[in-house]
């Protein structure tokens, strides 16, 4: 029987994935998108095989980094505006909040951690 629900990861696998994503964000911030994945694995404290088991290529890892950033910065703003009965007002609220939370000078790979705005 096929399931549409996401497969649950073992606790250690989930921890490793989080460590890899955080390390990737740091490494890409420092070195840009041409950074080597071995540097990411080293920073995360995992072997290259562990990184590639979860993220088969750089594109998959970059996607995970961007998805994590979206979940941290954008999704909460959208959820907050979802209760506004006026769609135009909700959209304006989302744009205003995102604009106020995003640093004026930022790169494609903002530093890790919670937003400081």
PDB file of N, CA and C in Angstrom:
ATOM      1  N   UNK A   1       0.841  -1.180   0.000  1.00  0.00           N
ATOM      2  CA  UNK A   1       0.000   0.000   0.000  1.00  0.00           C
ATOM      3  C   UNK A   1       0.882   1.238   0.000  1.00  0.00           C
ATOM      4  N   UNK A   2       0.731   2.102  -0.976  1.00  0.00           N
ATOM      5  CA  UNK A   2       1.535   3.320  -1.090  1.00  0.00           C
ATOM      6  C   UNK A   2       0.981   4.391  -0.163  1.00  0.00           C
ATOM      7  N   UNK A   3       1.895   5.209   0.327  1.00  0.00           N
ATOM      8  CA  UNK A   3       1.499   6.278   1.229  1.00  0.00           C
ATOM      9  C   UNK A   3       1.999   7.605   0.683  1.00  0.00           C
ATOM     10  N   UNK A   4       1.162   8.636   0.776  1.00  0.00           N
ATOM     11  CA  UNK A   4       1.557   9.970   0.338  1.00  0.00           C
ATOM     12  C   UNK A   4       2.235  10.753   1.447  1.00  0.00           C
ATOM     13  N   UNK A   5       2.263  10.202   2.666  1.00  0.00           N
ATOM     14  CA  UNK A   5       2.874  10.920   3.777  1.00  0.00           C
ATOM     15  C   UNK A   5       4.385  10.777   3.717  1.00  0.00           C
ATOM     16  N   UNK A   6       5.114  11.819   4.166  1.00  0.00           N
ATOM     17  CA  UNK A   6       6.567  11.737   4.135  1.00  0.00           C
ATOM     18  C   UNK A   6       7.065  10.646   5.071  1.00  0.00           C
ATOM     19  N   UNK A   7       8.127   9.988   4.652  1.00  0.00           N
ATOM     20  CA  UNK A   7       8.711   8.926   5.462  1.00  0.00           C
ATOM     21  C   UNK A   7       9.404   9.535   6.673  1.00  0.00           C
ATOM     22  N   UNK A   8       9.121   8.987   7.844  1.00  0.00           N
ATOM     23  CA  UNK A   8       9.758   9.478   9.057  1.00  0.00           C
ATOM     24  C   UNK A   8      11.204   8.994   9.095  1.00  0.00           C
ATOM     25  N   UNK A   9      12.096   9.895   9.483  1.00  0.00           N
ATOM     26  CA  UNK A   9      13.506   9.549   9.584  1.00  0.00           C
ATOM     27  C   UNK A   9      13.821   9.070  10.988  1.00  0.00           C
ATOM     28  N   UNK A  10      14.786   8.158  11.088  1.00  0.00           N
ATOM     29  CA  UNK A  10      15.273   7.778  12.408  1.00  0.00           C
ATOM     30  C   UNK A  10      15.849   9.020  13.062  1.00  0.00           C
ATOM     31  N   UNK A  11      15.888   9.014  14.380  1.00  0.00           N
ATOM     32  CA  UNK A  11      16.345  10.198  15.114  1.00  0.00           C
ATOM     33  C   UNK A  11      17.761  10.595  14.720  1.00  0.00           C
ATOM     34  N   UNK A  12      18.677   9.621  14.608  1.00  0.00           N
ATOM     35  CA  UNK A  12      20.054   9.963  14.262  1.00  0.00           C
ATOM     36  C   UNK A  12      20.150  10.449  12.819  1.00  0.00           C
ATOM     37  N   UNK A  13      19.339   9.903  11.931  1.00  0.00           N
ATOM     38  CA  UNK A  13      19.331  10.346  10.541  1.00  0.00           C
ATOM     39  C   UNK A  13      18.815  11.775  10.447  1.00  0.00           C
ATOM     40  N   UNK A  14      17.766  12.077  11.203  1.00  0.00           N
ATOM     41  CA  UNK A  14      17.217  13.438  11.207  1.00  0.00           C
ATOM     42  C   UNK A  14      18.224  14.425  11.781  1.00  0.00           C
ATOM     43  N   UNK A  15      18.919  14.043  12.854  1.00  0.00           N
ATOM     44  CA  UNK A  15      19.948  14.924  13.436  1.00  0.00           C
ATOM     45  C   UNK A  15      21.061  15.184  12.438  1.00  0.00           C
ATOM     46  N   UNK A  16      21.495  14.127  11.757  1.00  0.00           N
ATOM     47  CA  UNK A  16      22.552  14.300  10.756  1.00  0.00           C
ATOM     48  C   UNK A  16      22.102  15.221   9.628  1.00  0.00           C
ATOM     49  N   UNK A  17      20.870  15.063   9.171  1.00  0.00           N
ATOM     50  CA  UNK A  17      20.358  15.922   8.104  1.00  0.00           C
ATOM     51  C   UNK A  17      20.352  17.377   8.554  1.00  0.00           C
ATOM     52  N   UNK A  18      19.929  17.639   9.789  1.00  0.00           N
ATOM     53  CA  UNK A  18      19.926  19.005  10.318  1.00  0.00           C
ATOM     54  C   UNK A  18      21.344  19.560  10.405  1.00  0.00           C
ATOM     55  N   UNK A  19      22.282  18.733  10.877  1.00  0.00           N
ATOM     56  CA  UNK A  19      23.677  19.170  10.965  1.00  0.00           C
ATOM     57  C   UNK A  19      24.243  19.474   9.584  1.00  0.00           C
ATOM     58  N   UNK A  20      23.895  18.637   8.613  1.00  0.00           N
ATOM     59  CA  UNK A  20      24.390  18.841   7.249  1.00  0.00           C
ATOM     60  C   UNK A  20      23.819  20.123   6.652  1.00  0.00           C
ATOM     61  N   UNK A  21      22.538  20.367   6.844  1.00  0.00           N
ATOM     62  CA  UNK A  21      21.910  21.579   6.300  1.00  0.00           C
ATOM     63  C   UNK A  21      22.509  22.823   6.937  1.00  0.00           C
ATOM     64  N   UNK A  22      22.700  22.811   8.249  1.00  0.00           N
ATOM     65  CA  UNK A  22      23.312  23.952   8.929  1.00  0.00           C
ATOM     66  C   UNK A  22      24.739  24.163   8.433  1.00  0.00           C
ATOM     67  N   UNK A  23      25.501  23.086   8.321  1.00  0.00           N
ATOM     68  CA  UNK A  23      26.881  23.186   7.837  1.00  0.00           C
ATOM     69  C   UNK A  23      26.908  23.698   6.399  1.00  0.00           C
ATOM     70  N   UNK A  24      25.985  23.223   5.576  1.00  0.00           N
ATOM     71  CA  UNK A  24      25.932  23.671   4.181  1.00  0.00           C
ATOM     72  C   UNK A  24      25.652  25.162   4.115  1.00  0.00           C
ATOM     73  N   UNK A  25      24.752  25.638   4.939  1.00  0.00           N
ATOM     74  CA  UNK A  25      24.454  27.072   4.948  1.00  0.00           C
ATOM     75  C   UNK A  25      25.699  27.870   5.311  1.00  0.00           C
ATOM     76  N   UNK A  26      26.434  27.403   6.321  1.00  0.00           N
ATOM     77  CA  UNK A  26      27.650  28.100   6.734  1.00  0.00           C
ATOM     78  C   UNK A  26      28.722  28.060   5.633  1.00  0.00           C
ATOM     79  N   UNK A  27      28.947  26.874   5.072  1.00  0.00           N
ATOM     80  CA  UNK A  27      29.983  26.713   4.048  1.00  0.00           C
ATOM     81  C   UNK A  27      29.626  27.514   2.794  1.00  0.00           C
ATOM     82  N   UNK A  28      28.373  27.457   2.365  1.00  0.00           N
ATOM     83  CA  UNK A  28      27.979  28.211   1.185  1.00  0.00           C
ATOM     84  C   UNK A  28      28.054  29.711   1.447  1.00  0.00           C
ATOM     85  N   UNK A  29      27.784  30.144   2.683  1.00  0.00           N
ATOM     86  CA  UNK A  29      27.919  31.559   3.023  1.00  0.00           C
ATOM     87  C   UNK A  29      29.371  31.992   2.878  1.00  0.00           C
ATOM     88  N   UNK A  30      30.276  31.161   3.352  1.00  0.00           N
ATOM     89  CA  UNK A  30      31.697  31.498   3.313  1.00  0.00           C
ATOM     90  C   UNK A  30      32.304  31.339   1.920  1.00  0.00           C
ATOM     91  N   UNK A  31      31.950  30.270   1.217  1.00  0.00           N
ATOM     92  CA  UNK A  31      32.640  29.921  -0.018  1.00  0.00           C
ATOM     93  C   UNK A  31      31.804  30.096  -1.283  1.00  0.00           C
ATOM     94  N   UNK A  32      30.515  30.337  -1.131  1.00  0.00           N
ATOM     95  CA  UNK A  32      29.648  30.455  -2.295  1.00  0.00           C
ATOM     96  C   UNK A  32      29.150  29.093  -2.746  1.00  0.00           C
ATOM     97  N   UNK A  33      28.325  29.087  -3.772  1.00  0.00           N
ATOM     98  CA  UNK A  33      27.706  27.840  -4.216  1.00  0.00           C
ATOM     99  C   UNK A  33      28.676  26.845  -4.860  1.00  0.00           C
ATOM    100  N   UNK A  34      29.902  27.265  -5.137  1.00  0.00           N
ATOM    101  CA  UNK A  34      30.894  26.341  -5.710  1.00  0.00           C
ATOM    102  C   UNK A  34      31.659  25.576  -4.639  1.00  0.00           C
ATOM    103  N   UNK A  35      31.261  25.716  -3.392  1.00  0.00           N
ATOM    104  CA  UNK A  35      31.932  25.014  -2.295  1.00  0.00           C
ATOM    105  C   UNK A  35      31.862  23.506  -2.512  1.00  0.00           C
ATOM    106  N   UNK A  36      32.868  22.816  -2.021  1.00  0.00           N
ATOM    107  CA  UNK A  36      32.918  21.363  -2.152  1.00  0.00           C
ATOM    108  C   UNK A  36      32.071  20.710  -1.062  1.00  0.00           C
ATOM    109  N   UNK A  37      31.383  19.657  -1.427  1.00  0.00           N
ATOM    110  CA  UNK A  37      30.533  18.964  -0.464  1.00  0.00           C
ATOM    111  C   UNK A  37      31.350  18.258   0.612  1.00  0.00           C
ATOM    112  N   UNK A  38      32.596  17.930   0.330  1.00  0.00           N
ATOM    113  CA  UNK A  38      33.465  17.372   1.369  1.00  0.00           C
ATOM    114  C   UNK A  38      33.651  18.371   2.504  1.00  0.00           C
ATOM    115  N   UNK A  39      33.721  19.668   2.164  1.00  0.00           N
ATOM    116  CA  UNK A  39      33.827  20.706   3.195  1.00  0.00           C
ATOM    117  C   UNK A  39      32.566  20.753   4.048  1.00  0.00           C
ATOM    118  N   UNK A  40      31.433  20.551   3.411  1.00  0.00           N
ATOM    119  CA  UNK A  40      30.157  20.536   4.144  1.00  0.00           C
ATOM    120  C   UNK A  40      30.127  19.348   5.095  1.00  0.00           C
ATOM    121  N   UNK A  41      30.501  18.176   4.603  1.00  0.00           N
ATOM    122  CA  UNK A  41      30.497  16.973   5.446  1.00  0.00           C
ATOM    123  C   UNK A  41      31.436  17.150   6.630  1.00  0.00           C
ATOM    124  N   UNK A  42      32.625  17.682   6.365  1.00  0.00           N
ATOM    125  CA  UNK A  42      33.599  17.901   7.439  1.00  0.00           C
ATOM    126  C   UNK A  42      33.033  18.862   8.496  1.00  0.00           C
ATOM    127  N   UNK A  43      32.435  19.956   8.051  1.00  0.00           N
ATOM    128  CA  UNK A  43      31.867  20.947   8.973  1.00  0.00           C
ATOM    129  C   UNK A  43      30.727  20.345   9.786  1.00  0.00           C
ATOM    130  N   UNK A  44      29.955  19.451   9.162  1.00  0.00           N
ATOM    131  CA  UNK A  44      28.826  18.821   9.855  1.00  0.00           C
ATOM    132  C   UNK A  44      29.271  17.709  10.792  1.00  0.00           C
ATOM    133  N   UNK A  45      30.529  17.271  10.635  1.00  0.00           N
ATOM    134  CA  UNK A  45      31.014  16.187  11.482  1.00  0.00           C
ATOM    135  C   UNK A  45      30.505  14.827  11.051  1.00  0.00           C
ATOM    136  N   UNK A  46      30.231  14.691   9.756  1.00  0.00           N
ATOM    137  CA  UNK A  46      29.773  13.408   9.219  1.00  0.00           C
ATOM    138  C   UNK A  46      30.672  13.027   8.049  1.00  0.00           C
ATOM    139  N   UNK A  47      30.615  11.787   7.653  1.00  0.00           N
ATOM    140  CA  UNK A  47      31.366  11.341   6.498  1.00  0.00           C
ATOM    141  C   UNK A  47      30.672  11.734   5.209  1.00  0.00           C
ATOM    142  N   UNK A  48      31.440  11.745   4.135  1.00  0.00           N
ATOM    143  CA  UNK A  48      30.871  12.082   2.828  1.00  0.00           C
ATOM    144  C   UNK A  48      29.752  11.104   2.455  1.00  0.00           C
ATOM    145  N   UNK A  49      29.920   9.829   2.814  1.00  0.00           N
ATOM    146  CA  UNK A  49      28.886   8.840   2.487  1.00  0.00           C
ATOM    147  C   UNK A  49      27.564   9.175   3.179  1.00  0.00           C
ATOM    148  N   UNK A  50      27.640   9.662   4.410  1.00  0.00           N
ATOM    149  CA  UNK A  50      26.422  10.050   5.135  1.00  0.00           C
ATOM    150  C   UNK A  50      25.743  11.211   4.430  1.00  0.00           C
ATOM    151  N   UNK A  51      26.534  12.198   4.009  1.00  0.00           N
ATOM    152  CA  UNK A  51      25.973  13.345   3.298  1.00  0.00           C
ATOM    153  C   UNK A  51      25.297  12.882   2.009  1.00  0.00           C
ATOM    154  N   UNK A  52      25.984  12.055   1.222  1.00  0.00           N
ATOM    155  CA  UNK A  52      25.436  11.641  -0.066  1.00  0.00           C
ATOM    156  C   UNK A  52      24.281  10.652   0.063  1.00  0.00           C
ATOM    157  N   UNK A  53      24.180   9.949   1.178  1.00  0.00           N
ATOM    158  CA  UNK A  53      23.036   9.062   1.394  1.00  0.00           C
ATOM    159  C   UNK A  53      21.758   9.894   1.505  1.00  0.00           C
ATOM    160  N   UNK A  54      21.860  11.016   2.152  1.00  0.00           N
ATOM    161  CA  UNK A  54      20.685  11.874   2.366  1.00  0.00           C
ATOM    162  C   UNK A  54      20.491  12.870   1.229  1.00  0.00           C
ATOM    163  N   UNK A  55      21.595  13.396   0.691  1.00  0.00           N
ATOM    164  CA  UNK A  55      21.556  14.401  -0.370  1.00  0.00           C
ATOM    165  C   UNK A  55      22.423  13.894  -1.525  1.00  0.00           C
ATOM    166  N   UNK A  56      21.814  13.299  -2.548  1.00  0.00           N
ATOM    167  CA  UNK A  56      22.583  12.625  -3.591  1.00  0.00           C
ATOM    168  C   UNK A  56      23.458  13.540  -4.444  1.00  0.00           C
ATOM    169  N   UNK A  57      23.154  14.845  -4.457  1.00  0.00           N
ATOM    170  CA  UNK A  57      23.981  15.778  -5.221  1.00  0.00           C
ATOM    171  C   UNK A  57      23.847  17.177  -4.615  1.00  0.00           C
ATOM    172  N   UNK A  58      24.658  18.082  -5.127  1.00  0.00           N
ATOM    173  CA  UNK A  58      24.673  19.441  -4.587  1.00  0.00           C
ATOM    174  C   UNK A  58      23.318  20.124  -4.755  1.00  0.00           C
ATOM    175  N   UNK A  59      22.638  19.867  -5.860  1.00  0.00           N
ATOM    176  CA  UNK A  59      21.333  20.486  -6.079  1.00  0.00           C
ATOM    177  C   UNK A  59      20.337  20.091  -4.993  1.00  0.00           C
ATOM    178  N   UNK A  60      20.354  18.831  -4.586  1.00  0.00           N
ATOM    179  CA  UNK A  60      19.445  18.379  -3.522  1.00  0.00           C
ATOM    180  C   UNK A  60      19.778  19.059  -2.199  1.00  0.00           C
ATOM    181  N   UNK A  61      21.063  19.230  -1.936  1.00  0.00           N
ATOM    182  CA  UNK A  61      21.468  19.900  -0.700  1.00  0.00           C
ATOM    183  C   UNK A  61      21.110  21.384  -0.735  1.00  0.00           C
ATOM    184  N   UNK A  62      21.364  22.037  -1.847  1.00  0.00           N
ATOM    185  CA  UNK A  62      20.990  23.451  -1.979  1.00  0.00           C
ATOM    186  C   UNK A  62      19.489  23.627  -1.799  1.00  0.00           C
ATOM    187  N   UNK A  63      18.716  22.713  -2.360  1.00  0.00           N
ATOM    188  CA  UNK A  63      17.261  22.784  -2.217  1.00  0.00           C
ATOM    189  C   UNK A  63      16.857  22.657  -0.750  1.00  0.00           C
ATOM    190  N   UNK A  64      17.507  21.736  -0.037  1.00  0.00           N
ATOM    191  CA  UNK A  64      17.203  21.549   1.387  1.00  0.00           C
ATOM    192  C   UNK A  64      17.551  22.796   2.186  1.00  0.00           C
ATOM    193  N   UNK A  65      18.663  23.436   1.857  1.00  0.00           N
ATOM    194  CA  UNK A  65      19.059  24.674   2.541  1.00  0.00           C
ATOM    195  C   UNK A  65      18.016  25.761   2.292  1.00  0.00           C
ATOM    196  N   UNK A  66      17.608  25.909   1.043  1.00  0.00           N
ATOM    197  CA  UNK A  66      16.607  26.928   0.710  1.00  0.00           C
ATOM    198  C   UNK A  66      15.254  26.613   1.344  1.00  0.00           C
ATOM    199  N   UNK A  67      14.864  25.341   1.342  1.00  0.00           N
ATOM    200  CA  UNK A  67      13.604  24.951   1.987  1.00  0.00           C
ATOM    201  C   UNK A  67      13.626  25.262   3.477  1.00  0.00           C
ATOM    202  N   UNK A  68      14.760  24.990   4.128  1.00  0.00           N
ATOM    203  CA  UNK A  68      14.876  25.272   5.561  1.00  0.00           C
ATOM    204  C   UNK A  68      14.758  26.771   5.821  1.00  0.00           C
ATOM    205  N   UNK A  69      15.396  27.576   4.975  1.00  0.00           N
ATOM    206  CA  UNK A  69      15.329  29.029   5.143  1.00  0.00           C
ATOM    207  C   UNK A  69      13.901  29.525   4.924  1.00  0.00           C
ATOM    208  N   UNK A  70      13.217  28.963   3.931  1.00  0.00           N
ATOM    209  CA  UNK A  70      11.818  29.322   3.680  1.00  0.00           C
ATOM    210  C   UNK A  70      10.979  29.010   4.912  1.00  0.00           C
ATOM    211  N   UNK A  71      11.180  27.804   5.475  1.00  0.00           N
ATOM    212  CA  UNK A  71      10.416  27.407   6.660  1.00  0.00           C
ATOM    213  C   UNK A  71      10.686  28.314   7.849  1.00  0.00           C
ATOM    214  N   UNK A  72      11.902  28.828   7.958  1.00  0.00           N
ATOM    215  CA  UNK A  72      12.255  29.707   9.073  1.00  0.00           C
ATOM    216  C   UNK A  72      11.712  31.118   8.905  1.00  0.00           C
ATOM    217  N   UNK A  73      11.789  31.647   7.706  1.00  0.00           N
ATOM    218  CA  UNK A  73      11.489  33.061   7.502  1.00  0.00           C
ATOM    219  C   UNK A  73      10.137  33.349   6.871  1.00  0.00           C
ATOM    220  N   UNK A  74       9.727  32.551   5.932  1.00  0.00           N
ATOM    221  CA  UNK A  74       8.537  32.885   5.150  1.00  0.00           C
ATOM    222  C   UNK A  74       7.279  32.192   5.659  1.00  0.00           C
ATOM    223  N   UNK A  75       7.361  30.902   5.927  1.00  0.00           N
ATOM    224  CA  UNK A  75       6.166  30.158   6.325  1.00  0.00           C
ATOM    225  C   UNK A  75       5.458  30.770   7.543  1.00  0.00           C
ATOM    226  N   UNK A  76       6.177  31.181   8.605  1.00  0.00           N
ATOM    227  CA  UNK A  76       5.473  31.777   9.747  1.00  0.00           C
ATOM    228  C   UNK A  76       4.716  33.057   9.384  1.00  0.00           C
ATOM    229  N   UNK A  77       5.266  33.830   8.474  1.00  0.00           N
ATOM    230  CA  UNK A  77       4.607  35.069   8.049  1.00  0.00           C
ATOM    231  C   UNK A  77       3.329  34.743   7.281  1.00  0.00           C
ATOM    232  N   UNK A  78       3.404  33.758   6.423  1.00  0.00           N
ATOM    233  CA  UNK A  78       2.218  33.360   5.659  1.00  0.00           C
ATOM    234  C   UNK A  78       1.143  32.812   6.589  1.00  0.00           C
ATOM    235  N   UNK A  79       1.555  31.999   7.552  1.00  0.00           N
ATOM    236  CA  UNK A  79       0.573  31.462   8.514  1.00  0.00           C
ATOM    237  C   UNK A  79      -0.115  32.584   9.293  1.00  0.00           C
ATOM    238  N   UNK A  80       0.664  33.586   9.687  1.00  0.00           N
ATOM    239  CA  UNK A  80       0.088  34.693  10.453  1.00  0.00           C
ATOM    240  C   UNK A  80      -0.932  35.464   9.617  1.00  0.00           C
ATOM    241  N   UNK A  81      -0.662  35.609   8.325  1.00  0.00           N
ATOM    242  CA  UNK A  81      -1.564  36.380   7.471  1.00  0.00           C
ATOM    243  C   UNK A  81      -2.759  35.558   6.988  1.00  0.00           C
ATOM    244  N   UNK A  82      -2.695  34.262   7.124  1.00  0.00           N
ATOM    245  CA  UNK A  82      -3.753  33.397   6.591  1.00  0.00           C
ATOM    246  C   UNK A  82      -5.109  33.631   7.249  1.00  0.00           C
ATOM    247  N   UNK A  83      -5.112  34.218   8.412  1.00  0.00           N
ATOM    248  CA  UNK A  83      -6.367  34.436   9.136  1.00  0.00           C
ATOM    249  C   UNK A  83      -7.048  35.747   8.760  1.00  0.00           C
ATOM    250  N   UNK A  84      -6.399  36.537   7.916  1.00  0.00           N
ATOM    251  CA  UNK A  84      -6.981  37.809   7.476  1.00  0.00           C
ATOM    252  C   UNK A  84      -8.061  37.513   6.437  1.00  0.00           C
ATOM    253  N   UNK A  85      -9.298  37.980   6.668  1.00  0.00           N
ATOM    254  CA  UNK A  85     -10.382  37.675   5.724  1.00  0.00           C
ATOM    255  C   UNK A  85     -10.238  38.408   4.381  1.00  0.00           C
ATOM    256  N   UNK A  86      -9.425  39.446   4.325  1.00  0.00           N
ATOM    257  CA  UNK A  86      -9.241  40.213   3.091  1.00  0.00           C
ATOM    258  C   UNK A  86      -7.945  39.783   2.410  1.00  0.00           C
ATOM    259  N   UNK A  87      -8.026  39.126   1.244  1.00  0.00           N
ATOM    260  CA  UNK A  87      -6.819  38.632   0.579  1.00  0.00           C
ATOM    261  C   UNK A  87      -5.798  39.727   0.273  1.00  0.00           C
ATOM    262  N   UNK A  88      -6.239  40.888  -0.150  1.00  0.00           N
ATOM    263  CA  UNK A  88      -5.306  41.979  -0.464  1.00  0.00           C
ATOM    264  C   UNK A  88      -4.578  42.442   0.796  1.00  0.00           C
ATOM    265  N   UNK A  89      -5.310  42.529   1.871  1.00  0.00           N
ATOM    266  CA  UNK A  89      -4.707  42.911   3.145  1.00  0.00           C
ATOM    267  C   UNK A  89      -3.723  41.846   3.621  1.00  0.00           C
ATOM    268  N   UNK A  90      -4.083  40.581   3.442  1.00  0.00           N
ATOM    269  CA  UNK A  90      -3.194  39.490   3.842  1.00  0.00           C
ATOM    270  C   UNK A  90      -1.897  39.523   3.038  1.00  0.00           C
ATOM    271  N   UNK A  91      -2.018  39.724   1.727  1.00  0.00           N
ATOM    272  CA  UNK A  91      -0.822  39.798   0.890  1.00  0.00           C
ATOM    273  C   UNK A  91       0.049  40.979   1.289  1.00  0.00           C
ATOM    274  N   UNK A  92      -0.577  42.127   1.522  1.00  0.00           N
ATOM    275  CA  UNK A  92       0.189  43.306   1.943  1.00  0.00           C
ATOM    276  C   UNK A  92       0.900  43.031   3.266  1.00  0.00           C
ATOM    277  N   UNK A  93       0.226  42.329   4.164  1.00  0.00           N
ATOM    278  CA  UNK A  93       0.829  41.994   5.453  1.00  0.00           C
ATOM    279  C   UNK A  93       2.047  41.092   5.278  1.00  0.00           C
ATOM    280  N   UNK A  94       1.912  40.072   4.415  1.00  0.00           N
ATOM    281  CA  UNK A  94       3.029  39.167   4.153  1.00  0.00           C
ATOM    282  C   UNK A  94       4.207  39.946   3.597  1.00  0.00           C
ATOM    283  N   UNK A  95       3.963  40.760   2.595  1.00  0.00           N
ATOM    284  CA  UNK A  95       5.056  41.510   1.972  1.00  0.00           C
ATOM    285  C   UNK A  95       5.703  42.482   2.957  1.00  0.00           C
ATOM    286  N   UNK A  96       4.902  43.161   3.741  1.00  0.00           N
ATOM    287  CA  UNK A  96       5.423  44.116   4.734  1.00  0.00           C
ATOM    288  C   UNK A  96       6.287  43.406   5.772  1.00  0.00           C
ATOM    289  N   UNK A  97       5.794  42.272   6.293  1.00  0.00           N
ATOM    290  CA  UNK A  97       6.549  41.545   7.308  1.00  0.00           C
ATOM    291  C   UNK A  97       7.837  40.958   6.744  1.00  0.00           C
ATOM    292  N   UNK A  98       7.759  40.404   5.540  1.00  0.00           N
ATOM    293  CA  UNK A  98       8.975  39.858   4.934  1.00  0.00           C
ATOM    294  C   UNK A  98       9.998  40.954   4.684  1.00  0.00           C
ATOM    295  N   UNK A  99       9.534  42.087   4.199  1.00  0.00           N
ATOM    296  CA  UNK A  99      10.437  43.197   3.930  1.00  0.00           C
ATOM    297  C   UNK A  99      11.109  43.673   5.221  1.00  0.00           C
ATOM    298  N   UNK A 100      10.355  43.724   6.298  1.00  0.00           N
ATOM    299  CA  UNK A 100      10.914  44.212   7.562  1.00  0.00           C
ATOM    300  C   UNK A 100      11.854  43.203   8.206  1.00  0.00           C
ATOM    301  N   UNK A 101      11.675  41.907   7.925  1.00  0.00           N
ATOM    302  CA  UNK A 101      12.509  40.878   8.539  1.00  0.00           C
ATOM    303  C   UNK A 101      13.768  40.573   7.753  1.00  0.00           C
ATOM    304  N   UNK A 102      13.792  40.907   6.473  1.00  0.00           N
ATOM    305  CA  UNK A 102      14.959  40.576   5.659  1.00  0.00           C
ATOM    306  C   UNK A 102      15.971  41.706   5.770  1.00  0.00           C
ATOM    307  N   UNK A 103      17.210  41.394   6.069  1.00  0.00           N
ATOM    308  CA  UNK A 103      18.226  42.446   6.187  1.00  0.00           C
ATOM    309  C   UNK A 103      18.381  43.211   4.879  1.00  0.00           C
ATOM    310  N   UNK A 104      18.705  44.488   4.992  1.00  0.00           N
ATOM    311  CA  UNK A 104      18.879  45.323   3.801  1.00  0.00           C
ATOM    312  C   UNK A 104      20.058  44.835   2.969  1.00  0.00           C
ATOM    313  N   UNK A 105      21.095  44.398   3.625  1.00  0.00           N
ATOM    314  CA  UNK A 105      22.239  43.852   2.903  1.00  0.00           C
ATOM    315  C   UNK A 105      22.315  42.378   3.233  1.00  0.00           C
ATOM    316  N   UNK A 106      22.008  41.564   2.280  1.00  0.00           N
ATOM    317  CA  UNK A 106      22.017  40.128   2.500  1.00  0.00           C
ATOM    318  C   UNK A 106      22.607  39.445   1.287  1.00  0.00           C
ATOM    319  N   UNK A 107      22.998  38.241   1.471  1.00  0.00           N
ATOM    320  CA  UNK A 107      23.481  37.441   0.362  1.00  0.00           C
ATOM    321  C   UNK A 107      22.459  36.361   0.089  1.00  0.00           C
ATOM    322  N   UNK A 108      22.761  35.550  -0.865  1.00  0.00           N
ATOM    323  CA  UNK A 108      21.871  34.431  -1.177  1.00  0.00           C
ATOM    324  C   UNK A 108      21.864  33.423  -0.046  1.00  0.00           C
ATOM    325  N   UNK A 109      22.888  33.453   0.808  1.00  0.00           N
ATOM    326  CA  UNK A 109      23.022  32.476   1.903  1.00  0.00           C
ATOM    327  C   UNK A 109      23.125  33.220   3.221  1.00  0.00           C
ATOM    328  N   UNK A 110      22.002  33.730   3.757  1.00  0.00           N
ATOM    329  CA  UNK A 110      22.077  34.450   5.036  1.00  0.00           C
ATOM    330  C   UNK A 110      22.694  33.569   6.121  1.00  0.00           C
ATOM    331  N   UNK A 111      23.345  34.183   7.083  1.00  0.00           N
ATOM    332  CA  UNK A 111      23.965  33.410   8.155  1.00  0.00           C
ATOM    333  C   UNK A 111      22.939  32.554   8.893  1.00  0.00           C
ATOM    334  N   UNK A 112      23.365  31.445   9.437  1.00  0.00           N
ATOM    335  CA  UNK A 112      22.435  30.560  10.136  1.00  0.00           C
ATOM    336  C   UNK A 112      21.900  31.196  11.411  1.00  0.00           C
ATOM    337  N   UNK A 113      20.839  30.607  11.888  1.00  0.00           N
ATOM    338  CA  UNK A 113      20.257  31.066  13.143  1.00  0.00           C
ATOM    339  C   UNK A 113      18.943  31.771  12.910  1.00  0.00           C
ATOM    340  N   UNK A 114      18.295  32.130  13.988  1.00  0.00           N
ATOM    341  CA  UNK A 114      16.999  32.795  13.873  1.00  0.00           C
ATOM    342  C   UNK A 114      17.168  34.203  13.306  1.00  0.00           C
ATOM    343  N   UNK A 115      16.130  34.720  12.666  1.00  0.00           N
ATOM    344  CA  UNK A 115      16.211  36.079  12.143  1.00  0.00           C
ATOM    345  C   UNK A 115      16.515  37.053  13.267  1.00  0.00           C
ATOM    346  N   UNK A 116      17.303  38.052  12.966  1.00  0.00           N
ATOM    347  CA  UNK A 116      17.665  39.041  13.985  1.00  0.00           C
ATOM    348  C   UNK A 116      16.795  40.282  13.903  1.00  0.00           C
ATOM    349  N   UNK A 117      15.933  40.330  12.903  1.00  0.00           N
ATOM    350  CA  UNK A 117      15.072  41.491  12.743  1.00  0.00           C
ATOM    351  C   UNK A 117      13.787  41.315  13.512  1.00  0.00           C
TER     352      UNK A 117
END
